[in-house]
Amino acid sequence: MRLDPKLPIFDTFKTKNELTGEAQRQRAIIARLATESSPSLRTRTAISQKIAEENGIAWKNIYSGIFHDLDKVLLPLGIAEEAGRLPLKRGPKALQEIGIPYYRLTQSGLLVALSLKDISDKEQLLTQFFSMSKSDPEFQSTILTLTEITPRFVFSLFEKYVRAYCVGKLENLLPFNLANLKKISDESLVVQREILEGFIKLSKLEKERILNFVQVIS
């Protein structure tokens, strides 16, 4: 049984199908760490300021929430980690000496980022994720090939996978491999496999008819 904090990025209100404030904050933090390259923009203050700007609120009103999300959830879970410290020119001497921490996503964090629909350019994140992975080269190659021909399917897999972790169906996010992917199989994946297996058996004319049909209804 997992004793570390739960990752609430898919949590919704009980009375309506909307993400909770905590879920939205942590998604926004992960998105900033996934897409921002400058260390100075990956400190708690900079992250708070950017998220506040995007939502039209005062950054000081959400700073404590950002602090909590990082220190009590994302860091303990190994989703993010301290990447270094920036020197301070002002403020207390002790603070100037130790500097201000900035953060980055871990390999687990990149996996979580790949599950979020509000993050674009995921292909680059996927390449970065696999560069840190020790998974089977054939498995990696298969995922990358699928990403080229059916990216929505691949990133829906990441979403299902991370959701399974969030609700406790997976003990750990890593390793990301076939054995763990099998644990999240559901009816929709069975249906997709059935379609693929049936489609490749069709004649060229039948394939064209099926594709035209799917294009009309989708």
C-alpha atoms as a PDB file:
ATOM      1  CA  MET A   1       0.000   0.000   0.000  1.00  0.00           C
ATOM      2  CA  ARG A   2       1.402   3.365  -1.047  1.00  0.00           C
ATOM      3  CA  LEU A   3       2.033   5.742   1.849  1.00  0.00           C
ATOM      4  CA  ASP A   4       3.233   8.745  -0.148  1.00  0.00           C
ATOM      5  CA  PRO A   5       0.805  11.527  -1.116  1.00  0.00           C
ATOM      6  CA  LYS A   6      -1.725  10.985  -3.890  1.00  0.00           C
ATOM      7  CA  LEU A   7      -1.269  12.785  -7.201  1.00  0.00           C
ATOM      8  CA  PRO A   8      -4.580  14.637  -7.710  1.00  0.00           C
ATOM      9  CA  ILE A   9      -4.166  15.938 -11.282  1.00  0.00           C
ATOM     10  CA  PHE A  10      -7.332  14.174 -12.486  1.00  0.00           C
ATOM     11  CA  ASP A  11      -9.477  14.957  -9.429  1.00  0.00           C
ATOM     12  CA  THR A  12     -12.854  16.578 -10.107  1.00  0.00           C
ATOM     13  CA  PHE A  13     -15.531  18.064  -7.867  1.00  0.00           C
ATOM     14  CA  LYS A  14     -18.117  15.540  -6.709  1.00  0.00           C
ATOM     15  CA  THR A  15     -21.006  17.719  -7.854  1.00  0.00           C
ATOM     16  CA  LYS A  16     -19.661  18.670 -11.298  1.00  0.00           C
ATOM     17  CA  ASN A  17     -17.216  17.334 -13.854  1.00  0.00           C
ATOM     18  CA  GLU A  18     -14.622  20.062 -13.394  1.00  0.00           C
ATOM     19  CA  LEU A  19     -11.048  19.758 -12.172  1.00  0.00           C
ATOM     20  CA  THR A  20     -10.460  20.836  -8.588  1.00  0.00           C
ATOM     21  CA  GLY A  21      -8.319  23.885  -7.874  1.00  0.00           C
ATOM     22  CA  GLU A  22      -5.515  21.635  -6.627  1.00  0.00           C
ATOM     23  CA  ALA A  23      -5.627  19.559  -9.819  1.00  0.00           C
ATOM     24  CA  GLN A  24      -5.493  22.687 -11.978  1.00  0.00           C
ATOM     25  CA  ARG A  25      -2.573  24.153 -10.014  1.00  0.00           C
ATOM     26  CA  GLN A  26      -0.477  21.012 -10.201  1.00  0.00           C
ATOM     27  CA  ARG A  27      -1.205  20.597 -13.921  1.00  0.00           C
ATOM     28  CA  ALA A  28      -0.082  24.186 -14.447  1.00  0.00           C
ATOM     29  CA  ILE A  29       3.142  23.616 -12.473  1.00  0.00           C
ATOM     30  CA  ILE A  30       3.938  20.474 -14.454  1.00  0.00           C
ATOM     31  CA  ALA A  31       3.216  22.308 -17.715  1.00  0.00           C
ATOM     32  CA  ARG A  32       5.576  25.143 -16.748  1.00  0.00           C
ATOM     33  CA  LEU A  33       8.364  22.748 -15.829  1.00  0.00           C
ATOM     34  CA  ALA A  34       7.796  20.762 -19.028  1.00  0.00           C
ATOM     35  CA  THR A  35       7.917  23.735 -21.384  1.00  0.00           C
ATOM     36  CA  GLU A  36      10.112  26.387 -19.729  1.00  0.00           C
ATOM     37  CA  SER A  37      13.857  26.117 -20.330  1.00  0.00           C
ATOM     38  CA  SER A  38      15.116  29.110 -18.327  1.00  0.00           C
ATOM     39  CA  PRO A  39      16.014  28.289 -14.674  1.00  0.00           C
ATOM     40  CA  SER A  40      14.941  31.771 -13.569  1.00  0.00           C
ATOM     41  CA  LEU A  41      11.396  30.972 -14.726  1.00  0.00           C
ATOM     42  CA  ARG A  42      11.254  27.683 -12.851  1.00  0.00           C
ATOM     43  CA  THR A  43      11.422  29.029  -9.291  1.00  0.00           C
ATOM     44  CA  ARG A  44       8.366  28.969  -7.020  1.00  0.00           C
ATOM     45  CA  THR A  45       7.882  32.720  -7.433  1.00  0.00           C
ATOM     46  CA  ALA A  46       8.259  32.696 -11.225  1.00  0.00           C
ATOM     47  CA  ILE A  47       5.870  29.747 -11.567  1.00  0.00           C
ATOM     48  CA  SER A  48       3.341  31.508  -9.310  1.00  0.00           C
ATOM     49  CA  GLN A  49       3.632  34.736 -11.291  1.00  0.00           C
ATOM     50  CA  LYS A  50       3.124  33.013 -14.650  1.00  0.00           C
ATOM     51  CA  ILE A  51       0.139  30.969 -13.525  1.00  0.00           C
ATOM     52  CA  ALA A  52      -1.392  34.042 -11.880  1.00  0.00           C
ATOM     53  CA  GLU A  53      -0.884  36.076 -15.057  1.00  0.00           C
ATOM     54  CA  GLU A  54      -2.614  33.399 -17.150  1.00  0.00           C
ATOM     55  CA  ASN A  55      -5.588  33.410 -14.755  1.00  0.00           C
ATOM     56  CA  GLY A  56      -5.799  37.143 -14.099  1.00  0.00           C
ATOM     57  CA  ILE A  57      -5.129  36.955 -10.365  1.00  0.00           C
ATOM     58  CA  ALA A  58      -2.477  38.265  -7.949  1.00  0.00           C
ATOM     59  CA  TRP A  59       0.482  35.873  -7.743  1.00  0.00           C
ATOM     60  CA  LYS A  60       0.818  36.282  -3.994  1.00  0.00           C
ATOM     61  CA  ASN A  61      -2.673  34.789  -3.641  1.00  0.00           C
ATOM     62  CA  ILE A  62      -1.548  31.451  -5.103  1.00  0.00           C
ATOM     63  CA  TYR A  63       2.067  31.324  -3.923  1.00  0.00           C
ATOM     64  CA  SER A  64       1.265  29.312  -0.796  1.00  0.00           C
ATOM     65  CA  GLY A  65      -0.657  26.801  -2.925  1.00  0.00           C
ATOM     66  CA  ILE A  66       2.241  26.461  -5.370  1.00  0.00           C
ATOM     67  CA  PHE A  67       4.654  26.057  -2.441  1.00  0.00           C
ATOM     68  CA  HIS A  68       2.465  23.287  -0.988  1.00  0.00           C
ATOM     69  CA  ASP A  69       2.029  21.511  -4.336  1.00  0.00           C
ATOM     70  CA  LEU A  70       5.763  21.367  -4.920  1.00  0.00           C
ATOM     71  CA  ASP A  71       6.995  20.626  -1.394  1.00  0.00           C
ATOM     72  CA  LYS A  72       4.198  18.311  -0.213  1.00  0.00           C
ATOM     73  CA  VAL A  73       3.181  16.493  -3.405  1.00  0.00           C
ATOM     74  CA  LEU A  74       5.328  16.806  -6.527  1.00  0.00           C
ATOM     75  CA  LEU A  75       8.740  16.622  -4.837  1.00  0.00           C
ATOM     76  CA  PRO A  76       7.902  13.754  -2.415  1.00  0.00           C
ATOM     77  CA  LEU A  77       6.361  11.746  -5.268  1.00  0.00           C
ATOM     78  CA  GLY A  78       9.437  12.236  -7.416  1.00  0.00           C
ATOM     79  CA  ILE A  79       7.490  14.073 -10.129  1.00  0.00           C
ATOM     80  CA  ALA A  80       9.741  17.128  -9.794  1.00  0.00           C
ATOM     81  CA  GLU A  81      13.144  17.705  -8.258  1.00  0.00           C
ATOM     82  CA  GLU A  82      15.395  20.624  -7.378  1.00  0.00           C
ATOM     83  CA  ALA A  83      17.640  21.344 -10.364  1.00  0.00           C
ATOM     84  CA  GLY A  84      19.887  23.965  -8.775  1.00  0.00           C
ATOM     85  CA  ARG A  85      19.888  27.334  -7.033  1.00  0.00           C
ATOM     86  CA  LEU A  86      20.016  30.872  -8.324  1.00  0.00           C
ATOM     87  CA  PRO A  87      22.111  33.469  -6.434  1.00  0.00           C
ATOM     88  CA  LEU A  88      20.320  36.376  -4.780  1.00  0.00           C
ATOM     89  CA  LYS A  89      21.639  39.934  -4.888  1.00  0.00           C
ATOM     90  CA  ARG A  90      19.223  41.241  -2.275  1.00  0.00           C
ATOM     91  CA  GLY A  91      17.583  40.039   0.909  1.00  0.00           C
ATOM     92  CA  PRO A  92      18.942  38.350   4.043  1.00  0.00           C
ATOM     93  CA  LYS A  93      22.593  37.308   3.810  1.00  0.00           C
ATOM     94  CA  ALA A  94      21.812  33.680   4.651  1.00  0.00           C
ATOM     95  CA  LEU A  95      19.295  33.547   1.815  1.00  0.00           C
ATOM     96  CA  GLN A  96      21.790  35.151  -0.560  1.00  0.00           C
ATOM     97  CA  GLU A  97      24.327  32.454   0.285  1.00  0.00           C
ATOM     98  CA  ILE A  98      22.037  29.450  -0.268  1.00  0.00           C
ATOM     99  CA  GLY A  99      20.179  30.979  -3.216  1.00  0.00           C
ATOM    100  CA  ILE A 100      16.694  30.339  -4.563  1.00  0.00           C
ATOM    101  CA  PRO A 101      15.853  26.810  -5.758  1.00  0.00           C
ATOM    102  CA  TYR A 102      14.526  26.117  -9.225  1.00  0.00           C
ATOM    103  CA  TYR A 103      12.976  22.881 -10.375  1.00  0.00           C
ATOM    104  CA  ARG A 104      12.710  20.404 -13.243  1.00  0.00           C
ATOM    105  CA  LEU A 105      10.658  17.338 -14.057  1.00  0.00           C
ATOM    106  CA  THR A 106      12.096  13.907 -13.346  1.00  0.00           C
ATOM    107  CA  GLN A 107      11.580  11.002 -15.726  1.00  0.00           C
ATOM    108  CA  SER A 108       8.355  10.240 -13.821  1.00  0.00           C
ATOM    109  CA  GLY A 109       7.388  13.884 -14.198  1.00  0.00           C
ATOM    110  CA  LEU A 110       7.885  13.750 -17.964  1.00  0.00           C
ATOM    111  CA  LEU A 111       5.620  10.703 -18.041  1.00  0.00           C
ATOM    112  CA  VAL A 112       2.951  12.658 -16.167  1.00  0.00           C
ATOM    113  CA  ALA A 113       3.373  15.617 -18.536  1.00  0.00           C
ATOM    114  CA  LEU A 114       2.762  13.282 -21.488  1.00  0.00           C
ATOM    115  CA  SER A 115      -0.627  12.419 -19.979  1.00  0.00           C
ATOM    116  CA  LEU A 116      -1.905  16.018 -19.899  1.00  0.00           C
ATOM    117  CA  LYS A 117      -3.987  17.244 -22.824  1.00  0.00           C
ATOM    118  CA  ASP A 118      -3.142  20.897 -22.148  1.00  0.00           C
ATOM    119  CA  ILE A 119       0.543  20.394 -23.038  1.00  0.00           C
ATOM    120  CA  SER A 120       1.505  20.644 -26.718  1.00  0.00           C
ATOM    121  CA  ASP A 121       4.658  19.476 -28.564  1.00  0.00           C
ATOM    122  CA  LYS A 122       4.600  16.183 -26.701  1.00  0.00           C
ATOM    123  CA  GLU A 123       6.782  14.483 -29.299  1.00  0.00           C
ATOM    124  CA  GLN A 124       9.797  16.376 -27.944  1.00  0.00           C
ATOM    125  CA  LEU A 125       8.874  15.413 -24.377  1.00  0.00           C
ATOM    126  CA  LEU A 126       8.526  11.793 -25.439  1.00  0.00           C
ATOM    127  CA  THR A 127      12.001  11.807 -26.977  1.00  0.00           C
ATOM    128  CA  GLN A 128      13.370  13.341 -23.774  1.00  0.00           C
ATOM    129  CA  PHE A 129      11.535  10.747 -21.684  1.00  0.00           C
ATOM    130  CA  PHE A 130      12.940   7.807 -23.648  1.00  0.00           C
ATOM    131  CA  SER A 131      16.451   9.294 -23.536  1.00  0.00           C
ATOM    132  CA  MET A 132      16.267   8.751 -19.757  1.00  0.00           C
ATOM    133  CA  SER A 133      14.620   5.338 -19.997  1.00  0.00           C
ATOM    134  CA  LYS A 134      16.113   1.860 -19.714  1.00  0.00           C
ATOM    135  CA  SER A 135      13.120   0.209 -21.357  1.00  0.00           C
ATOM    136  CA  ASP A 136      13.453  -2.297 -24.181  1.00  0.00           C
ATOM    137  CA  PRO A 137      14.589  -0.598 -27.450  1.00  0.00           C
ATOM    138  CA  GLU A 138      11.933  -2.484 -29.432  1.00  0.00           C
ATOM    139  CA  PHE A 139       9.235  -1.234 -27.043  1.00  0.00           C
ATOM    140  CA  GLN A 140      10.495   2.347 -27.429  1.00  0.00           C
ATOM    141  CA  SER A 141      10.618   2.003 -31.215  1.00  0.00           C
ATOM    142  CA  THR A 142       7.044   0.713 -31.299  1.00  0.00           C
ATOM    143  CA  ILE A 143       5.759   3.621 -29.201  1.00  0.00           C
ATOM    144  CA  LEU A 144       7.616   6.167 -31.355  1.00  0.00           C
ATOM    145  CA  THR A 145       6.267   4.600 -34.566  1.00  0.00           C
ATOM    146  CA  LEU A 146       2.724   4.670 -33.201  1.00  0.00           C
ATOM    147  CA  THR A 147       3.241   8.316 -32.252  1.00  0.00           C
ATOM    148  CA  GLU A 148       3.944   9.130 -35.893  1.00  0.00           C
ATOM    149  CA  ILE A 149       0.835   7.418 -37.260  1.00  0.00           C
ATOM    150  CA  THR A 150      -1.659   7.740 -34.406  1.00  0.00           C
ATOM    151  CA  PRO A 151      -0.481  10.270 -31.786  1.00  0.00           C
ATOM    152  CA  ARG A 152      -3.890  10.600 -30.105  1.00  0.00           C
ATOM    153  CA  PHE A 153      -3.940   6.881 -29.386  1.00  0.00           C
ATOM    154  CA  VAL A 154      -0.441   6.952 -27.885  1.00  0.00           C
ATOM    155  CA  PHE A 155      -1.088   9.950 -25.648  1.00  0.00           C
ATOM    156  CA  SER A 156      -4.423   8.472 -24.558  1.00  0.00           C
ATOM    157  CA  LEU A 157      -2.368   5.479 -23.390  1.00  0.00           C
ATOM    158  CA  PHE A 158      -0.212   7.788 -21.293  1.00  0.00           C
ATOM    159  CA  GLU A 159      -3.338   9.362 -19.811  1.00  0.00           C
ATOM    160  CA  LYS A 160      -4.853   5.980 -18.918  1.00  0.00           C
ATOM    161  CA  TYR A 161      -1.522   4.879 -17.473  1.00  0.00           C
ATOM    162  CA  VAL A 162      -1.062   7.937 -15.232  1.00  0.00           C
ATOM    163  CA  ARG A 163      -4.726   7.848 -14.190  1.00  0.00           C
ATOM    164  CA  ALA A 164      -4.192   4.255 -13.061  1.00  0.00           C
ATOM    165  CA  TYR A 165      -1.265   5.418 -10.919  1.00  0.00           C
ATOM    166  CA  CYS A 166      -3.294   8.299  -9.463  1.00  0.00           C
ATOM    167  CA  VAL A 167      -6.054   5.969  -8.253  1.00  0.00           C
ATOM    168  CA  GLY A 168      -3.633   3.388  -6.881  1.00  0.00           C
ATOM    169  CA  LYS A 169      -3.875   0.706  -9.588  1.00  0.00           C
ATOM    170  CA  LEU A 170      -0.143   1.083 -10.215  1.00  0.00           C
ATOM    171  CA  GLU A 171       2.323   1.167  -7.345  1.00  0.00           C
ATOM    172  CA  ASN A 172       4.886   3.196  -9.293  1.00  0.00           C
ATOM    173  CA  LEU A 173       4.997   5.123 -12.554  1.00  0.00           C
ATOM    174  CA  LEU A 174       8.271   3.512 -13.571  1.00  0.00           C
ATOM    175  CA  PRO A 175       9.281   1.388 -15.270  1.00  0.00           C
ATOM    176  CA  PHE A 176       7.065   2.276 -18.219  1.00  0.00           C
ATOM    177  CA  ASN A 177       6.960  -1.040 -20.062  1.00  0.00           C
ATOM    178  CA  LEU A 178       4.653  -3.641 -21.571  1.00  0.00           C
ATOM    179  CA  ALA A 179       4.168  -5.455 -18.277  1.00  0.00           C
ATOM    180  CA  ASN A 180       2.817  -2.335 -16.574  1.00  0.00           C
ATOM    181  CA  LEU A 181       0.820  -1.253 -19.635  1.00  0.00           C
ATOM    182  CA  LYS A 182      -1.014  -4.589 -19.532  1.00  0.00           C
ATOM    183  CA  LYS A 183      -2.272  -3.681 -16.061  1.00  0.00           C
ATOM    184  CA  ILE A 184      -4.296  -0.733 -17.412  1.00  0.00           C
ATOM    185  CA  SER A 185      -6.016  -2.548 -20.285  1.00  0.00           C
ATOM    186  CA  ASP A 186      -9.738  -1.718 -20.536  1.00  0.00           C
ATOM    187  CA  GLU A 187     -12.678  -2.221 -22.894  1.00  0.00           C
ATOM    188  CA  SER A 188     -11.734   0.678 -25.158  1.00  0.00           C
ATOM    189  CA  LEU A 189      -8.277  -0.799 -25.791  1.00  0.00           C
ATOM    190  CA  VAL A 190      -9.799  -4.205 -26.536  1.00  0.00           C
ATOM    191  CA  VAL A 191     -12.149  -2.580 -29.079  1.00  0.00           C
ATOM    192  CA  GLN A 192      -9.266  -0.684 -30.713  1.00  0.00           C
ATOM    193  CA  ARG A 193      -7.248  -3.894 -31.012  1.00  0.00           C
ATOM    194  CA  GLU A 194     -10.247  -5.690 -32.544  1.00  0.00           C
ATOM    195  CA  ILE A 195     -10.628  -2.932 -35.151  1.00  0.00           C
ATOM    196  CA  LEU A 196      -6.938  -3.005 -36.044  1.00  0.00           C
ATOM    197  CA  GLU A 197      -6.791  -6.793 -36.320  1.00  0.00           C
ATOM    198  CA  GLY A 198      -9.893  -6.832 -38.504  1.00  0.00           C
ATOM    199  CA  PHE A 199      -8.828  -3.906 -40.674  1.00  0.00           C
ATOM    200  CA  ILE A 200      -5.530  -5.419 -41.774  1.00  0.00           C
ATOM    201  CA  LYS A 201      -7.394  -8.492 -43.084  1.00  0.00           C
ATOM    202  CA  LEU A 202      -9.577  -6.437 -45.458  1.00  0.00           C
ATOM    203  CA  SER A 203      -9.030  -5.999 -49.173  1.00  0.00           C
ATOM    204  CA  LYS A 204      -7.900  -2.620 -50.506  1.00  0.00           C
ATOM    205  CA  LEU A 205     -11.441  -1.741 -51.623  1.00  0.00           C
ATOM    206  CA  GLU A 206     -12.924  -2.746 -48.257  1.00  0.00           C
ATOM    207  CA  LYS A 207     -10.295  -0.678 -46.428  1.00  0.00           C
ATOM    208  CA  GLU A 208     -11.212   2.380 -48.499  1.00  0.00           C
ATOM    209  CA  ARG A 209     -14.901   1.902 -47.733  1.00  0.00           C
ATOM    210  CA  ILE A 210     -14.220   1.575 -44.008  1.00  0.00           C
ATOM    211  CA  LEU A 211     -11.970   4.656 -44.006  1.00  0.00           C
ATOM    212  CA  ASN A 212     -14.607   6.696 -45.844  1.00  0.00           C
ATOM    213  CA  PHE A 213     -17.236   5.542 -43.366  1.00  0.00           C
ATOM    214  CA  VAL A 214     -15.075   6.486 -40.356  1.00  0.00           C
ATOM    215  CA  GLN A 215     -14.237   9.878 -41.879  1.00  0.00           C
ATOM    216  CA  VAL A 216     -17.951  10.658 -42.274  1.00  0.00           C
ATOM    217  CA  ILE A 217     -18.893   9.779 -38.692  1.00  0.00           C
ATOM    218  CA  SER A 218     -15.845  11.240 -36.945  1.00  0.00           C
END
